[in-house]
Amino acid sequence: KAVRSSWAATSICPLSPIVPLKDISVAAERGQLETSVANLQGYGGTGGHIGTAWGWYTISPRWNWAWPVESRPRPYGPNAIKAVVIMTDGSFNYAFRNGGEGLFPPQSEDRFRNGTSPYQALQLCSNMRGQDVEVYTVGFQSPPQSAAFLEECAGSLGNYYDADNSGQLISAFKTIANKLTSIRLTQ
């Protein structure tokens, strides 16, 4: 007879549909995206590695088969800027592999053991940066212990931002948008 812990009983995947990338300059498409975001509900934990992975899936041409033709990501290369923005409270406390539902911020040094959400997220961030993906992290009302983890995920380009209120959050996203939209000359 299988026995489920109370943690396992409450660890469900939300039923929110994935909304393909849209042209948000079209009011109807922007409205669909805004409605989808407004209907999201929290479930009390953060499987940050899963969100990090899905951020990569949405821009990686390796996953083109999963997206409608009009939403498929461009290939890696000099003609495409690839970026992932991860906004989180920094408490990556749900995991799915090796029983690694270790809590973060850490209570011990085994927080990065294989299988934990922080460990898997850091591996994903490193792999994305290895594909020349710019990784940005925004810690929103996150505990001070999460800053080093989020900075490591973002890499050494100063792509980590800390926000404690909506004004700081808006400022962080404006700064990221300006970095991504600045003109770049290449040879």
N, C-alpha and C. Protein backbone atom coordinates (compact mmCIF):
# COMPACT_ATOMS: atom_id res chain seq x y z
N LYS A 1 0.84 -1.18 0.00
CA LYS A 1 0.00 0.00 0.00
C LYS A 1 0.88 1.24 0.00
N ALA A 2 0.67 2.13 -0.95
CA ALA A 2 1.46 3.36 -1.03
C ALA A 2 0.93 4.38 -0.04
N VAL A 3 1.85 5.03 0.63
CA VAL A 3 1.48 6.07 1.58
C VAL A 3 2.02 7.39 1.05
N ARG A 4 1.16 8.38 0.96
CA ARG A 4 1.58 9.69 0.46
C ARG A 4 1.75 10.63 1.62
N SER A 5 2.84 11.36 1.62
CA SER A 5 3.04 12.36 2.67
C SER A 5 2.13 13.55 2.39
N SER A 6 1.94 14.38 3.40
CA SER A 6 1.11 15.57 3.20
C SER A 6 1.74 16.49 2.16
N TRP A 7 3.10 16.51 2.10
CA TRP A 7 3.76 17.33 1.08
C TRP A 7 3.41 16.81 -0.30
N ALA A 8 3.50 15.50 -0.49
CA ALA A 8 3.23 14.92 -1.81
C ALA A 8 1.78 15.14 -2.21
N ALA A 9 0.88 15.09 -1.24
CA ALA A 9 -0.54 15.25 -1.55
C ALA A 9 -0.86 16.66 -2.03
N THR A 10 -0.06 17.63 -1.63
CA THR A 10 -0.33 19.00 -2.04
C THR A 10 0.54 19.45 -3.20
N SER A 11 1.44 18.60 -3.66
CA SER A 11 2.35 18.97 -4.74
C SER A 11 1.75 18.56 -6.08
N ILE A 12 0.97 19.44 -6.64
CA ILE A 12 0.33 19.15 -7.91
C ILE A 12 0.81 20.14 -8.95
N CYS A 13 0.73 19.76 -10.19
CA CYS A 13 1.03 20.70 -11.26
C CYS A 13 -0.21 21.54 -11.49
N PRO A 14 -0.04 22.85 -11.56
CA PRO A 14 -1.21 23.69 -11.82
C PRO A 14 -1.79 23.39 -13.20
N LEU A 15 -3.05 23.63 -13.35
CA LEU A 15 -3.73 23.32 -14.61
C LEU A 15 -3.73 24.50 -15.57
N SER A 16 -2.86 25.47 -15.37
CA SER A 16 -2.80 26.64 -16.23
C SER A 16 -2.30 26.26 -17.61
N PRO A 17 -2.99 26.67 -18.66
CA PRO A 17 -2.52 26.35 -20.01
C PRO A 17 -1.29 27.18 -20.37
N ILE A 18 -0.47 26.64 -21.24
CA ILE A 18 0.67 27.38 -21.76
C ILE A 18 0.16 28.26 -22.89
N VAL A 19 0.46 29.54 -22.83
CA VAL A 19 0.01 30.49 -23.84
C VAL A 19 1.19 30.73 -24.78
N PRO A 20 1.06 30.40 -26.07
CA PRO A 20 2.16 30.62 -27.01
C PRO A 20 2.54 32.10 -27.10
N LEU A 21 3.78 32.34 -27.47
CA LEU A 21 4.24 33.71 -27.65
C LEU A 21 3.33 34.43 -28.64
N LYS A 22 2.98 35.65 -28.32
CA LYS A 22 2.03 36.42 -29.13
C LYS A 22 2.62 37.78 -29.50
N ASP A 23 1.94 38.44 -30.41
CA ASP A 23 2.27 39.81 -30.77
C ASP A 23 1.46 40.70 -29.83
N ILE A 24 2.10 41.20 -28.76
CA ILE A 24 1.35 41.95 -27.76
C ILE A 24 0.94 43.34 -28.23
N SER A 25 1.37 43.72 -29.43
CA SER A 25 0.90 44.99 -29.97
C SER A 25 -0.53 44.85 -30.51
N VAL A 26 -1.00 43.62 -30.69
CA VAL A 26 -2.38 43.36 -31.12
C VAL A 26 -3.22 43.23 -29.85
N ALA A 27 -4.22 44.09 -29.72
CA ALA A 27 -4.99 44.18 -28.48
C ALA A 27 -5.59 42.85 -28.05
N ALA A 28 -6.16 42.09 -28.97
CA ALA A 28 -6.80 40.82 -28.62
C ALA A 28 -5.78 39.82 -28.09
N GLU A 29 -4.61 39.77 -28.72
CA GLU A 29 -3.57 38.84 -28.28
C GLU A 29 -2.99 39.27 -26.94
N ARG A 30 -2.80 40.56 -26.74
CA ARG A 30 -2.32 41.08 -25.47
C ARG A 30 -3.36 40.77 -24.38
N GLY A 31 -4.63 40.97 -24.69
CA GLY A 31 -5.70 40.69 -23.73
C GLY A 31 -5.71 39.23 -23.30
N GLN A 32 -5.51 38.31 -24.25
CA GLN A 32 -5.47 36.88 -23.92
C GLN A 32 -4.33 36.59 -22.95
N LEU A 33 -3.16 37.17 -23.19
CA LEU A 33 -2.01 36.96 -22.32
C LEU A 33 -2.28 37.56 -20.94
N GLU A 34 -2.82 38.78 -20.89
CA GLU A 34 -3.11 39.43 -19.61
C GLU A 34 -4.13 38.64 -18.80
N THR A 35 -5.15 38.11 -19.47
CA THR A 35 -6.16 37.29 -18.78
C THR A 35 -5.53 36.02 -18.22
N SER A 36 -4.67 35.39 -19.01
CA SER A 36 -4.01 34.17 -18.56
C SER A 36 -3.16 34.44 -17.32
N VAL A 37 -2.40 35.54 -17.33
CA VAL A 37 -1.56 35.89 -16.17
C VAL A 37 -2.43 36.23 -14.97
N ALA A 38 -3.50 36.97 -15.18
CA ALA A 38 -4.39 37.36 -14.07
C ALA A 38 -5.03 36.15 -13.41
N ASN A 39 -5.22 35.06 -14.15
CA ASN A 39 -5.86 33.86 -13.61
C ASN A 39 -4.90 32.88 -12.94
N LEU A 40 -3.59 33.18 -12.97
CA LEU A 40 -2.63 32.28 -12.32
C LEU A 40 -2.84 32.30 -10.81
N GLN A 41 -2.66 31.14 -10.18
CA GLN A 41 -2.81 31.04 -8.74
C GLN A 41 -1.59 30.36 -8.15
N GLY A 42 -1.15 30.86 -7.01
CA GLY A 42 -0.03 30.25 -6.31
C GLY A 42 -0.48 29.03 -5.53
N TYR A 43 0.45 28.11 -5.30
CA TYR A 43 0.13 26.90 -4.56
C TYR A 43 1.02 26.70 -3.34
N GLY A 44 1.76 27.75 -2.92
CA GLY A 44 2.50 27.67 -1.68
C GLY A 44 3.94 27.21 -1.77
N GLY A 45 4.46 26.96 -2.92
CA GLY A 45 5.85 26.54 -3.06
C GLY A 45 6.40 26.97 -4.40
N THR A 46 7.72 26.86 -4.53
CA THR A 46 8.37 27.28 -5.77
C THR A 46 9.24 26.16 -6.31
N GLY A 47 8.84 25.59 -7.42
CA GLY A 47 9.68 24.65 -8.16
C GLY A 47 10.48 25.47 -9.16
N GLY A 48 11.40 26.29 -8.65
CA GLY A 48 12.12 27.25 -9.49
C GLY A 48 12.87 26.64 -10.64
N HIS A 49 13.34 25.42 -10.47
CA HIS A 49 14.04 24.74 -11.56
C HIS A 49 13.10 24.49 -12.74
N ILE A 50 11.82 24.25 -12.44
CA ILE A 50 10.86 24.00 -13.51
C ILE A 50 10.60 25.29 -14.29
N GLY A 51 10.41 26.39 -13.59
CA GLY A 51 10.23 27.68 -14.26
C GLY A 51 11.46 28.06 -15.07
N THR A 52 12.64 27.79 -14.52
CA THR A 52 13.89 28.08 -15.23
C THR A 52 13.98 27.24 -16.50
N ALA A 53 13.63 25.97 -16.40
CA ALA A 53 13.66 25.11 -17.58
C ALA A 53 12.67 25.60 -18.64
N TRP A 54 11.46 25.93 -18.22
CA TRP A 54 10.46 26.40 -19.20
C TRP A 54 10.87 27.72 -19.84
N GLY A 55 11.56 28.58 -19.09
CA GLY A 55 12.08 29.80 -19.70
C GLY A 55 13.00 29.47 -20.86
N TRP A 56 13.86 28.47 -20.66
CA TRP A 56 14.78 28.05 -21.71
C TRP A 56 14.02 27.38 -22.86
N TYR A 57 13.04 26.54 -22.54
CA TYR A 57 12.29 25.86 -23.59
C TYR A 57 11.61 26.85 -24.54
N THR A 58 11.17 27.98 -24.01
CA THR A 58 10.44 28.93 -24.86
C THR A 58 11.33 29.64 -25.87
N ILE A 59 12.65 29.64 -25.64
CA ILE A 59 13.54 30.33 -26.59
C ILE A 59 14.48 29.39 -27.33
N SER A 60 14.51 28.12 -26.94
CA SER A 60 15.43 27.17 -27.55
C SER A 60 14.83 26.54 -28.81
N PRO A 61 15.57 26.58 -29.92
CA PRO A 61 15.07 25.94 -31.14
C PRO A 61 14.96 24.42 -31.00
N ARG A 62 15.59 23.86 -29.97
CA ARG A 62 15.50 22.42 -29.74
C ARG A 62 14.05 21.99 -29.45
N TRP A 63 13.24 22.91 -28.98
CA TRP A 63 11.87 22.60 -28.61
C TRP A 63 10.87 23.12 -29.63
N ASN A 64 11.31 23.42 -30.84
CA ASN A 64 10.40 23.94 -31.87
C ASN A 64 9.19 23.04 -32.12
N TRP A 65 9.37 21.75 -32.00
CA TRP A 65 8.26 20.82 -32.24
C TRP A 65 7.08 21.07 -31.28
N ALA A 66 7.35 21.69 -30.14
CA ALA A 66 6.30 21.88 -29.13
C ALA A 66 5.48 23.15 -29.35
N TRP A 67 5.90 24.00 -30.26
CA TRP A 67 5.26 25.31 -30.43
C TRP A 67 4.59 25.43 -31.79
N PRO A 68 3.52 26.22 -31.87
CA PRO A 68 2.94 26.51 -33.18
C PRO A 68 3.98 27.20 -34.06
N VAL A 69 3.87 27.03 -35.36
CA VAL A 69 4.86 27.56 -36.29
C VAL A 69 5.16 29.03 -36.04
N GLU A 70 4.10 29.83 -35.81
CA GLU A 70 4.31 31.27 -35.63
C GLU A 70 4.99 31.63 -34.31
N SER A 71 5.12 30.69 -33.39
CA SER A 71 5.74 30.96 -32.09
C SER A 71 7.10 30.29 -31.93
N ARG A 72 7.59 29.63 -32.95
CA ARG A 72 8.85 28.89 -32.81
C ARG A 72 10.04 29.84 -32.67
N PRO A 73 10.94 29.51 -31.75
CA PRO A 73 12.12 30.35 -31.53
C PRO A 73 13.08 30.32 -32.71
N ARG A 74 13.78 31.42 -32.90
CA ARG A 74 14.81 31.48 -33.93
C ARG A 74 16.00 30.65 -33.49
N PRO A 75 16.84 30.24 -34.43
CA PRO A 75 18.04 29.48 -34.06
C PRO A 75 19.02 30.37 -33.27
N TYR A 76 19.89 29.72 -32.51
CA TYR A 76 20.97 30.45 -31.85
C TYR A 76 21.86 31.05 -32.91
N GLY A 77 22.51 32.14 -32.59
CA GLY A 77 23.45 32.75 -33.51
C GLY A 77 23.48 34.25 -33.38
N PRO A 78 24.31 34.89 -34.19
CA PRO A 78 24.51 36.34 -34.05
C PRO A 78 23.28 37.17 -34.44
N ASN A 79 22.32 36.59 -35.13
CA ASN A 79 21.15 37.36 -35.55
C ASN A 79 19.97 37.24 -34.59
N ALA A 80 20.21 36.64 -33.43
CA ALA A 80 19.14 36.50 -32.45
C ALA A 80 19.70 36.75 -31.05
N ILE A 81 19.04 37.60 -30.30
CA ILE A 81 19.39 37.80 -28.90
C ILE A 81 18.47 36.90 -28.09
N LYS A 82 19.06 36.01 -27.35
CA LYS A 82 18.29 35.08 -26.53
C LYS A 82 18.45 35.50 -25.07
N ALA A 83 17.33 35.65 -24.37
CA ALA A 83 17.38 36.05 -22.97
C ALA A 83 16.25 35.38 -22.20
N VAL A 84 16.52 35.05 -20.95
CA VAL A 84 15.53 34.51 -20.04
C VAL A 84 15.55 35.38 -18.79
N VAL A 85 14.37 35.80 -18.34
CA VAL A 85 14.23 36.57 -17.11
C VAL A 85 13.51 35.69 -16.10
N ILE A 86 14.14 35.48 -14.96
CA ILE A 86 13.57 34.66 -13.90
C ILE A 86 13.24 35.58 -12.74
N MET A 87 11.94 35.75 -12.46
CA MET A 87 11.52 36.52 -11.30
C MET A 87 11.03 35.55 -10.26
N THR A 88 11.55 35.68 -9.04
CA THR A 88 11.26 34.71 -8.00
C THR A 88 11.44 35.32 -6.62
N ASP A 89 10.88 34.65 -5.62
CA ASP A 89 11.17 35.03 -4.25
C ASP A 89 12.48 34.38 -3.79
N GLY A 90 13.06 33.53 -4.62
CA GLY A 90 14.33 32.89 -4.31
C GLY A 90 14.22 31.66 -3.44
N SER A 91 13.03 31.30 -3.02
CA SER A 91 12.84 30.10 -2.19
C SER A 91 12.46 28.93 -3.07
N PHE A 92 13.44 28.27 -3.65
CA PHE A 92 13.20 27.13 -4.52
C PHE A 92 13.04 25.91 -3.62
N ASN A 93 11.81 25.58 -3.27
CA ASN A 93 11.59 24.58 -2.25
C ASN A 93 10.76 23.37 -2.70
N TYR A 94 10.54 23.20 -3.98
CA TYR A 94 9.90 21.99 -4.51
C TYR A 94 10.83 21.39 -5.54
N ALA A 95 11.00 20.08 -5.50
CA ALA A 95 11.81 19.40 -6.49
C ALA A 95 11.15 18.06 -6.81
N PHE A 96 11.62 17.42 -7.86
CA PHE A 96 10.97 16.19 -8.28
C PHE A 96 11.90 15.01 -8.39
N ARG A 97 13.18 15.19 -8.20
CA ARG A 97 14.13 14.11 -8.45
C ARG A 97 14.92 13.76 -7.19
N ASN A 98 15.16 12.52 -6.96
CA ASN A 98 15.98 12.03 -5.85
C ASN A 98 15.45 12.47 -4.50
N GLY A 99 14.17 12.72 -4.39
CA GLY A 99 13.61 13.14 -3.12
C GLY A 99 14.16 14.47 -2.66
N GLY A 100 14.63 15.29 -3.58
CA GLY A 100 15.34 16.51 -3.21
C GLY A 100 14.47 17.71 -2.99
N GLU A 101 13.47 17.60 -2.13
CA GLU A 101 12.65 18.76 -1.90
C GLU A 101 13.26 19.65 -0.83
N GLY A 102 14.60 19.85 -0.93
CA GLY A 102 15.32 20.66 0.03
C GLY A 102 14.85 22.10 0.01
N LEU A 103 14.79 22.71 1.17
CA LEU A 103 14.32 24.08 1.27
C LEU A 103 15.42 25.06 0.92
N PHE A 104 15.01 26.18 0.40
CA PHE A 104 15.94 27.26 0.11
C PHE A 104 15.23 28.53 0.46
N PRO A 105 15.75 29.42 1.22
CA PRO A 105 17.13 29.56 1.64
C PRO A 105 17.59 28.38 2.50
N PRO A 106 18.88 28.14 2.44
CA PRO A 106 19.42 26.91 3.03
C PRO A 106 19.42 26.91 4.54
N GLN A 107 19.25 25.72 5.07
CA GLN A 107 19.47 25.50 6.48
C GLN A 107 20.78 24.73 6.67
N SER A 108 21.30 24.16 5.59
CA SER A 108 22.54 23.40 5.66
C SER A 108 23.23 23.47 4.30
N GLU A 109 24.45 22.99 4.25
CA GLU A 109 25.23 23.05 3.02
C GLU A 109 24.79 22.05 1.96
N ASP A 110 23.88 21.14 2.27
CA ASP A 110 23.45 20.17 1.25
C ASP A 110 22.33 20.72 0.37
N ARG A 111 22.10 22.04 0.46
CA ARG A 111 21.03 22.66 -0.33
C ARG A 111 21.23 22.49 -1.82
N PHE A 112 22.48 22.28 -2.26
CA PHE A 112 22.75 22.15 -3.69
C PHE A 112 22.99 20.71 -4.08
N ARG A 113 22.57 19.76 -3.24
CA ARG A 113 22.78 18.36 -3.61
C ARG A 113 21.97 18.05 -4.87
N ASN A 114 22.47 17.11 -5.61
CA ASN A 114 21.80 16.71 -6.85
C ASN A 114 20.35 16.36 -6.54
N GLY A 115 19.45 16.93 -7.28
CA GLY A 115 18.04 16.65 -7.10
C GLY A 115 17.28 17.81 -6.49
N THR A 116 17.96 18.73 -5.81
CA THR A 116 17.23 19.85 -5.24
C THR A 116 16.91 20.87 -6.32
N SER A 117 15.89 21.63 -6.08
CA SER A 117 15.49 22.66 -7.03
C SER A 117 16.61 23.69 -7.26
N PRO A 118 17.29 24.20 -6.19
CA PRO A 118 18.38 25.16 -6.45
C PRO A 118 19.51 24.56 -7.28
N TYR A 119 19.88 23.32 -7.00
CA TYR A 119 20.94 22.67 -7.76
C TYR A 119 20.57 22.58 -9.23
N GLN A 120 19.36 22.12 -9.49
CA GLN A 120 18.94 21.96 -10.88
C GLN A 120 18.82 23.31 -11.58
N ALA A 121 18.34 24.33 -10.88
CA ALA A 121 18.22 25.66 -11.48
C ALA A 121 19.60 26.21 -11.84
N LEU A 122 20.58 26.05 -10.95
CA LEU A 122 21.93 26.54 -11.25
C LEU A 122 22.52 25.82 -12.46
N GLN A 123 22.27 24.52 -12.58
CA GLN A 123 22.76 23.78 -13.74
C GLN A 123 22.12 24.30 -15.02
N LEU A 124 20.81 24.54 -14.98
CA LEU A 124 20.11 25.08 -16.14
C LEU A 124 20.63 26.46 -16.52
N CYS A 125 20.83 27.33 -15.51
CA CYS A 125 21.35 28.67 -15.79
C CYS A 125 22.73 28.59 -16.45
N SER A 126 23.58 27.74 -15.92
CA SER A 126 24.92 27.57 -16.48
C SER A 126 24.85 27.06 -17.91
N ASN A 127 23.98 26.10 -18.16
CA ASN A 127 23.83 25.55 -19.51
C ASN A 127 23.28 26.60 -20.48
N MET A 128 22.33 27.41 -20.02
CA MET A 128 21.81 28.48 -20.89
C MET A 128 22.91 29.46 -21.25
N ARG A 129 23.67 29.90 -20.24
CA ARG A 129 24.75 30.85 -20.51
C ARG A 129 25.77 30.25 -21.47
N GLY A 130 25.96 28.91 -21.40
CA GLY A 130 26.85 28.22 -22.32
C GLY A 130 26.36 28.26 -23.76
N GLN A 131 25.08 28.53 -23.97
CA GLN A 131 24.50 28.69 -25.31
C GLN A 131 24.36 30.17 -25.68
N ASP A 132 25.04 31.05 -24.94
CA ASP A 132 24.99 32.50 -25.14
C ASP A 132 23.60 33.08 -24.88
N VAL A 133 22.87 32.46 -23.97
CA VAL A 133 21.60 33.01 -23.53
C VAL A 133 21.90 33.95 -22.37
N GLU A 134 21.37 35.17 -22.44
CA GLU A 134 21.53 36.11 -21.34
C GLU A 134 20.50 35.77 -20.27
N VAL A 135 20.98 35.47 -19.08
CA VAL A 135 20.10 35.11 -17.97
C VAL A 135 20.02 36.28 -17.01
N TYR A 136 18.80 36.72 -16.73
CA TYR A 136 18.53 37.78 -15.76
C TYR A 136 17.72 37.19 -14.63
N THR A 137 18.06 37.54 -13.40
CA THR A 137 17.25 37.12 -12.27
C THR A 137 16.78 38.36 -11.51
N VAL A 138 15.53 38.31 -11.08
CA VAL A 138 14.95 39.38 -10.29
C VAL A 138 14.40 38.74 -9.02
N GLY A 139 15.00 39.07 -7.89
CA GLY A 139 14.52 38.59 -6.61
C GLY A 139 13.47 39.56 -6.10
N PHE A 140 12.23 39.10 -5.98
CA PHE A 140 11.15 39.96 -5.50
C PHE A 140 10.77 39.57 -4.08
N GLN A 141 11.02 40.49 -3.17
CA GLN A 141 10.78 40.27 -1.75
C GLN A 141 11.43 38.96 -1.29
N SER A 142 12.64 38.75 -1.74
CA SER A 142 13.33 37.50 -1.41
C SER A 142 14.20 37.70 -0.17
N PRO A 143 14.42 36.62 0.57
CA PRO A 143 15.27 36.70 1.76
C PRO A 143 16.71 36.99 1.36
N PRO A 144 17.46 37.67 2.24
CA PRO A 144 18.85 38.03 1.91
C PRO A 144 19.71 36.83 1.51
N GLN A 145 19.43 35.65 2.07
CA GLN A 145 20.22 34.46 1.75
C GLN A 145 20.07 34.03 0.30
N SER A 146 19.04 34.49 -0.36
CA SER A 146 18.81 34.09 -1.76
C SER A 146 19.63 34.89 -2.76
N ALA A 147 20.15 36.04 -2.35
CA ALA A 147 20.85 36.92 -3.28
C ALA A 147 22.04 36.24 -3.96
N ALA A 148 22.88 35.55 -3.20
CA ALA A 148 24.06 34.90 -3.80
C ALA A 148 23.64 33.84 -4.80
N PHE A 149 22.62 33.08 -4.48
CA PHE A 149 22.11 32.05 -5.39
C PHE A 149 21.60 32.68 -6.68
N LEU A 150 20.81 33.76 -6.58
CA LEU A 150 20.25 34.40 -7.76
C LEU A 150 21.34 35.10 -8.58
N GLU A 151 22.34 35.66 -7.91
CA GLU A 151 23.47 36.25 -8.62
C GLU A 151 24.25 35.19 -9.39
N GLU A 152 24.46 34.03 -8.77
CA GLU A 152 25.18 32.95 -9.45
C GLU A 152 24.40 32.46 -10.66
N CYS A 153 23.10 32.37 -10.53
CA CYS A 153 22.27 31.93 -11.64
C CYS A 153 22.38 32.91 -12.82
N ALA A 154 22.38 34.21 -12.52
CA ALA A 154 22.45 35.23 -13.56
C ALA A 154 23.83 35.31 -14.21
N GLY A 155 24.86 34.89 -13.52
CA GLY A 155 26.21 34.96 -14.07
C GLY A 155 26.90 36.24 -13.64
N SER A 156 28.02 36.51 -14.25
CA SER A 156 28.88 37.61 -13.81
C SER A 156 28.64 38.92 -14.56
N LEU A 157 27.53 39.07 -15.24
CA LEU A 157 27.29 40.26 -16.04
C LEU A 157 26.48 41.33 -15.31
N GLY A 158 26.29 41.20 -14.02
CA GLY A 158 25.47 42.16 -13.29
C GLY A 158 24.01 42.06 -13.67
N ASN A 159 23.54 40.86 -13.96
CA ASN A 159 22.17 40.65 -14.41
C ASN A 159 21.22 40.23 -13.29
N TYR A 160 21.63 40.47 -12.04
CA TYR A 160 20.75 40.18 -10.91
C TYR A 160 20.19 41.50 -10.38
N TYR A 161 18.88 41.49 -10.08
CA TYR A 161 18.21 42.68 -9.54
C TYR A 161 17.41 42.26 -8.32
N ASP A 162 17.37 43.13 -7.33
CA ASP A 162 16.62 42.88 -6.11
C ASP A 162 15.52 43.91 -6.02
N ALA A 163 14.30 43.48 -5.76
CA ALA A 163 13.16 44.40 -5.68
C ALA A 163 12.32 44.04 -4.46
N ASP A 164 12.03 45.05 -3.66
CA ASP A 164 11.19 44.84 -2.48
C ASP A 164 9.79 45.40 -2.64
N ASN A 165 9.56 46.17 -3.72
CA ASN A 165 8.24 46.77 -3.92
C ASN A 165 7.98 46.92 -5.42
N SER A 166 6.78 47.34 -5.77
CA SER A 166 6.41 47.41 -7.18
C SER A 166 7.26 48.42 -7.94
N GLY A 167 7.62 49.53 -7.33
CA GLY A 167 8.46 50.52 -8.00
C GLY A 167 9.82 49.96 -8.38
N GLN A 168 10.45 49.23 -7.45
CA GLN A 168 11.75 48.62 -7.73
C GLN A 168 11.61 47.51 -8.77
N LEU A 169 10.50 46.81 -8.74
CA LEU A 169 10.26 45.75 -9.71
C LEU A 169 10.12 46.34 -11.11
N ILE A 170 9.35 47.39 -11.24
CA ILE A 170 9.19 48.07 -12.54
C ILE A 170 10.53 48.61 -13.02
N SER A 171 11.31 49.19 -12.13
CA SER A 171 12.63 49.71 -12.50
C SER A 171 13.54 48.60 -12.99
N ALA A 172 13.53 47.45 -12.31
CA ALA A 172 14.37 46.31 -12.74
C ALA A 172 14.00 45.87 -14.14
N PHE A 173 12.70 45.73 -14.40
CA PHE A 173 12.27 45.27 -15.73
C PHE A 173 12.55 46.32 -16.80
N LYS A 174 12.46 47.60 -16.47
CA LYS A 174 12.82 48.63 -17.45
C LYS A 174 14.30 48.57 -17.77
N THR A 175 15.13 48.36 -16.76
CA THR A 175 16.58 48.26 -16.98
C THR A 175 16.89 47.06 -17.87
N ILE A 176 16.26 45.92 -17.59
CA ILE A 176 16.47 44.73 -18.42
C ILE A 176 16.02 44.99 -19.85
N ALA A 177 14.85 45.60 -20.01
CA ALA A 177 14.34 45.91 -21.36
C ALA A 177 15.30 46.83 -22.10
N ASN A 178 15.85 47.82 -21.42
CA ASN A 178 16.80 48.73 -22.06
C ASN A 178 18.07 48.00 -22.48
N LYS A 179 18.55 47.09 -21.63
CA LYS A 179 19.74 46.31 -22.00
C LYS A 179 19.47 45.46 -23.26
N LEU A 180 18.28 44.87 -23.32
CA LEU A 180 17.97 43.97 -24.43
C LEU A 180 17.65 44.71 -25.72
N THR A 181 17.19 45.94 -25.63
CA THR A 181 16.79 46.65 -26.84
C THR A 181 17.82 47.67 -27.32
N SER A 182 18.94 47.78 -26.60
CA SER A 182 19.96 48.72 -27.05
C SER A 182 20.56 48.22 -28.37
N ILE A 183 20.95 49.14 -29.19
CA ILE A 183 21.52 48.80 -30.50
C ILE A 183 22.88 48.16 -30.31
N ARG A 184 23.09 47.06 -31.02
CA ARG A 184 24.36 46.35 -30.93
C ARG A 184 24.96 46.25 -32.32
N LEU A 185 26.20 46.70 -32.46
CA LEU A 185 26.90 46.59 -33.74
C LEU A 185 27.84 45.41 -33.68
N THR A 186 27.80 44.58 -34.71
CA THR A 186 28.71 43.44 -34.79
C THR A 186 29.39 43.44 -36.14
N GLN A 187 30.51 42.77 -36.21
CA GLN A 187 31.22 42.66 -37.48
C GLN A 187 30.93 41.35 -38.14
